[in-house]
C-alpha atoms as a PDB file:
ATOM      1  CA  UNK A   1      -5.214   4.140 -37.113  1.00  0.00           C
ATOM      2  CA  UNK A   2      -5.523   7.294 -35.045  1.00  0.00           C
ATOM      3  CA  UNK A   3      -8.362   5.801 -32.949  1.00  0.00           C
ATOM      4  CA  UNK A   4      -6.338   2.681 -32.210  1.00  0.00           C
ATOM      5  CA  UNK A   5      -3.400   4.711 -30.929  1.00  0.00           C
ATOM      6  CA  UNK A   6      -5.766   6.791 -28.816  1.00  0.00           C
ATOM      7  CA  UNK A   7      -7.299   3.629 -27.366  1.00  0.00           C
ATOM      8  CA  UNK A   8      -3.854   2.215 -26.560  1.00  0.00           C
ATOM      9  CA  UNK A   9      -2.802   5.490 -24.934  1.00  0.00           C
ATOM     10  CA  UNK A  10      -6.007   5.554 -22.870  1.00  0.00           C
ATOM     11  CA  UNK A  11      -5.473   1.956 -21.684  1.00  0.00           C
ATOM     12  CA  UNK A  12      -1.871   2.653 -20.715  1.00  0.00           C
ATOM     13  CA  UNK A  13      -2.867   5.781 -18.819  1.00  0.00           C
ATOM     14  CA  UNK A  14      -5.639   3.871 -17.025  1.00  0.00           C
ATOM     15  CA  UNK A  15      -3.375   1.083 -15.817  1.00  0.00           C
ATOM     16  CA  UNK A  16      -0.354   3.235 -14.902  1.00  0.00           C
ATOM     17  CA  UNK A  17      -1.536   3.912 -11.312  1.00  0.00           C
ATOM     18  CA  UNK A  18      -1.947   0.172 -10.734  1.00  0.00           C
ATOM     19  CA  UNK A  19       1.595  -0.481 -11.904  1.00  0.00           C
ATOM     20  CA  UNK A  20       2.983   2.209  -9.599  1.00  0.00           C
ATOM     21  CA  UNK A  21       1.003   0.911  -6.620  1.00  0.00           C
ATOM     22  CA  UNK A  22       2.367  -2.583  -7.122  1.00  0.00           C
ATOM     23  CA  UNK A  23       5.967  -1.452  -7.599  1.00  0.00           C
ATOM     24  CA  UNK A  24       8.524  -3.185  -5.426  1.00  0.00           C
ATOM     25  CA  UNK A  25      11.865  -1.526  -4.818  1.00  0.00           C
ATOM     26  CA  UNK A  26      15.147  -3.169  -3.828  1.00  0.00           C
ATOM     27  CA  UNK A  27      16.095  -1.810  -0.391  1.00  0.00           C
ATOM     28  CA  UNK A  28      19.703  -1.249  -1.456  1.00  0.00           C
ATOM     29  CA  UNK A  29      18.530   1.396  -3.948  1.00  0.00           C
ATOM     30  CA  UNK A  30      16.822   3.503  -1.267  1.00  0.00           C
ATOM     31  CA  UNK A  31      18.828   6.563  -0.291  1.00  0.00           C
ATOM     32  CA  UNK A  32      20.062   6.623   3.296  1.00  0.00           C
ATOM     33  CA  UNK A  33      17.789   8.766   5.437  1.00  0.00           C
ATOM     34  CA  UNK A  34      14.765   8.841   7.719  1.00  0.00           C
ATOM     35  CA  UNK A  35      11.420   7.603   6.397  1.00  0.00           C
ATOM     36  CA  UNK A  36       7.889   7.068   7.671  1.00  0.00           C
ATOM     37  CA  UNK A  37       6.500   3.733   6.468  1.00  0.00           C
ATOM     38  CA  UNK A  38       3.477   1.477   6.954  1.00  0.00           C
ATOM     39  CA  UNK A  39       4.097  -2.179   7.806  1.00  0.00           C
ATOM     40  CA  UNK A  40       2.557  -4.588   5.296  1.00  0.00           C
ATOM     41  CA  UNK A  41       3.929  -7.788   6.789  1.00  0.00           C
ATOM     42  CA  UNK A  42       6.337  -8.852   9.517  1.00  0.00           C
ATOM     43  CA  UNK A  43       8.415 -11.641   7.972  1.00  0.00           C
ATOM     44  CA  UNK A  44      10.483 -12.405  11.070  1.00  0.00           C
ATOM     45  CA  UNK A  45      12.267 -10.525  13.861  1.00  0.00           C
ATOM     46  CA  UNK A  46      14.873  -9.193  11.409  1.00  0.00           C
ATOM     47  CA  UNK A  47      12.796  -8.541   8.231  1.00  0.00           C
ATOM     48  CA  UNK A  48       9.667  -6.531   7.466  1.00  0.00           C
ATOM     49  CA  UNK A  49       7.797  -5.668   4.303  1.00  0.00           C
ATOM     50  CA  UNK A  50       6.711  -2.025   4.220  1.00  0.00           C
ATOM     51  CA  UNK A  51       4.971   0.525   2.051  1.00  0.00           C
ATOM     52  CA  UNK A  52       7.055   3.659   1.650  1.00  0.00           C
ATOM     53  CA  UNK A  53       5.451   7.114   1.740  1.00  0.00           C
ATOM     54  CA  UNK A  54       5.665   7.294  -2.082  1.00  0.00           C
ATOM     55  CA  UNK A  55       3.551   4.124  -2.443  1.00  0.00           C
ATOM     56  CA  UNK A  56       6.293   1.642  -3.312  1.00  0.00           C
ATOM     57  CA  UNK A  57       6.819  -1.590  -1.400  1.00  0.00           C
ATOM     58  CA  UNK A  58      10.118  -2.974  -0.152  1.00  0.00           C
ATOM     59  CA  UNK A  59      11.461  -5.567   2.228  1.00  0.00           C
ATOM     60  CA  UNK A  60      13.782  -4.150   4.858  1.00  0.00           C
ATOM     61  CA  UNK A  61      16.314  -5.995   6.980  1.00  0.00           C
ATOM     62  CA  UNK A  62      17.631  -5.074  10.410  1.00  0.00           C
ATOM     63  CA  UNK A  63      21.044  -3.474  10.062  1.00  0.00           C
ATOM     64  CA  UNK A  64      22.120  -3.935  13.671  1.00  0.00           C
ATOM     65  CA  UNK A  65      21.746  -6.720  16.235  1.00  0.00           C
ATOM     66  CA  UNK A  66      19.700  -4.375  18.447  1.00  0.00           C
ATOM     67  CA  UNK A  67      17.012  -3.841  15.766  1.00  0.00           C
ATOM     68  CA  UNK A  68      14.191  -6.302  16.467  1.00  0.00           C
ATOM     69  CA  UNK A  69      10.858  -6.223  14.617  1.00  0.00           C
ATOM     70  CA  UNK A  70       9.152  -8.843  16.812  1.00  0.00           C
ATOM     71  CA  UNK A  71       7.027  -6.170  18.552  1.00  0.00           C
ATOM     72  CA  UNK A  72       5.850  -4.642  15.264  1.00  0.00           C
ATOM     73  CA  UNK A  73       2.386  -5.486  13.889  1.00  0.00           C
ATOM     74  CA  UNK A  74       0.822  -5.309  10.453  1.00  0.00           C
ATOM     75  CA  UNK A  75      -0.513  -1.796   9.683  1.00  0.00           C
ATOM     76  CA  UNK A  76       1.795  -0.146  12.225  1.00  0.00           C
ATOM     77  CA  UNK A  77       3.357   3.127  11.186  1.00  0.00           C
ATOM     78  CA  UNK A  78       7.106   3.307  11.749  1.00  0.00           C
ATOM     79  CA  UNK A  79       9.653   6.063  11.538  1.00  0.00           C
ATOM     80  CA  UNK A  80      12.959   4.474  10.638  1.00  0.00           C
ATOM     81  CA  UNK A  81      16.461   5.350   9.553  1.00  0.00           C
ATOM     82  CA  UNK A  82      17.824   3.463   6.581  1.00  0.00           C
ATOM     83  CA  UNK A  83      21.588   3.262   6.159  1.00  0.00           C
ATOM     84  CA  UNK A  84      22.981   1.386   3.149  1.00  0.00           C
ATOM     85  CA  UNK A  85      19.647  -0.379   2.565  1.00  0.00           C
ATOM     86  CA  UNK A  86      19.180  -1.680   6.124  1.00  0.00           C
ATOM     87  CA  UNK A  87      17.329  -0.341   9.169  1.00  0.00           C
ATOM     88  CA  UNK A  88      19.680   1.209  11.707  1.00  0.00           C
ATOM     89  CA  UNK A  89      16.972   2.299  14.171  1.00  0.00           C
ATOM     90  CA  UNK A  90      13.185   2.604  14.206  1.00  0.00           C
ATOM     91  CA  UNK A  91      10.360   4.035  16.281  1.00  0.00           C
ATOM     92  CA  UNK A  92       6.824   2.608  16.286  1.00  0.00           C
ATOM     93  CA  UNK A  93       4.454   5.585  15.918  1.00  0.00           C
ATOM     94  CA  UNK A  94       1.337   3.462  16.464  1.00  0.00           C
ATOM     95  CA  UNK A  95      -0.146   3.278  19.948  1.00  0.00           C
ATOM     96  CA  UNK A  96      -1.273  -0.245  20.808  1.00  0.00           C
END
């Protein structure tokens, strides 16, 4: 019985990094602040899917009419301010 529990513990420990890497977070649960993110996918001019600096993925929406993601590309690095789960302002750190 002891070997089985050790095997289960080993399997869980082996797959834990994969589960963390694939974690998706609801944008409304992200604390307001400034973050550096990597763009995974541009959904449309008002929505982007990003990878946060802690490895989690989330979909962010523009929080103001002046925020427009149409110039952003996949793999760009952005510095953005999130307020109440939406992007208030962003800066593209990638040189094109």
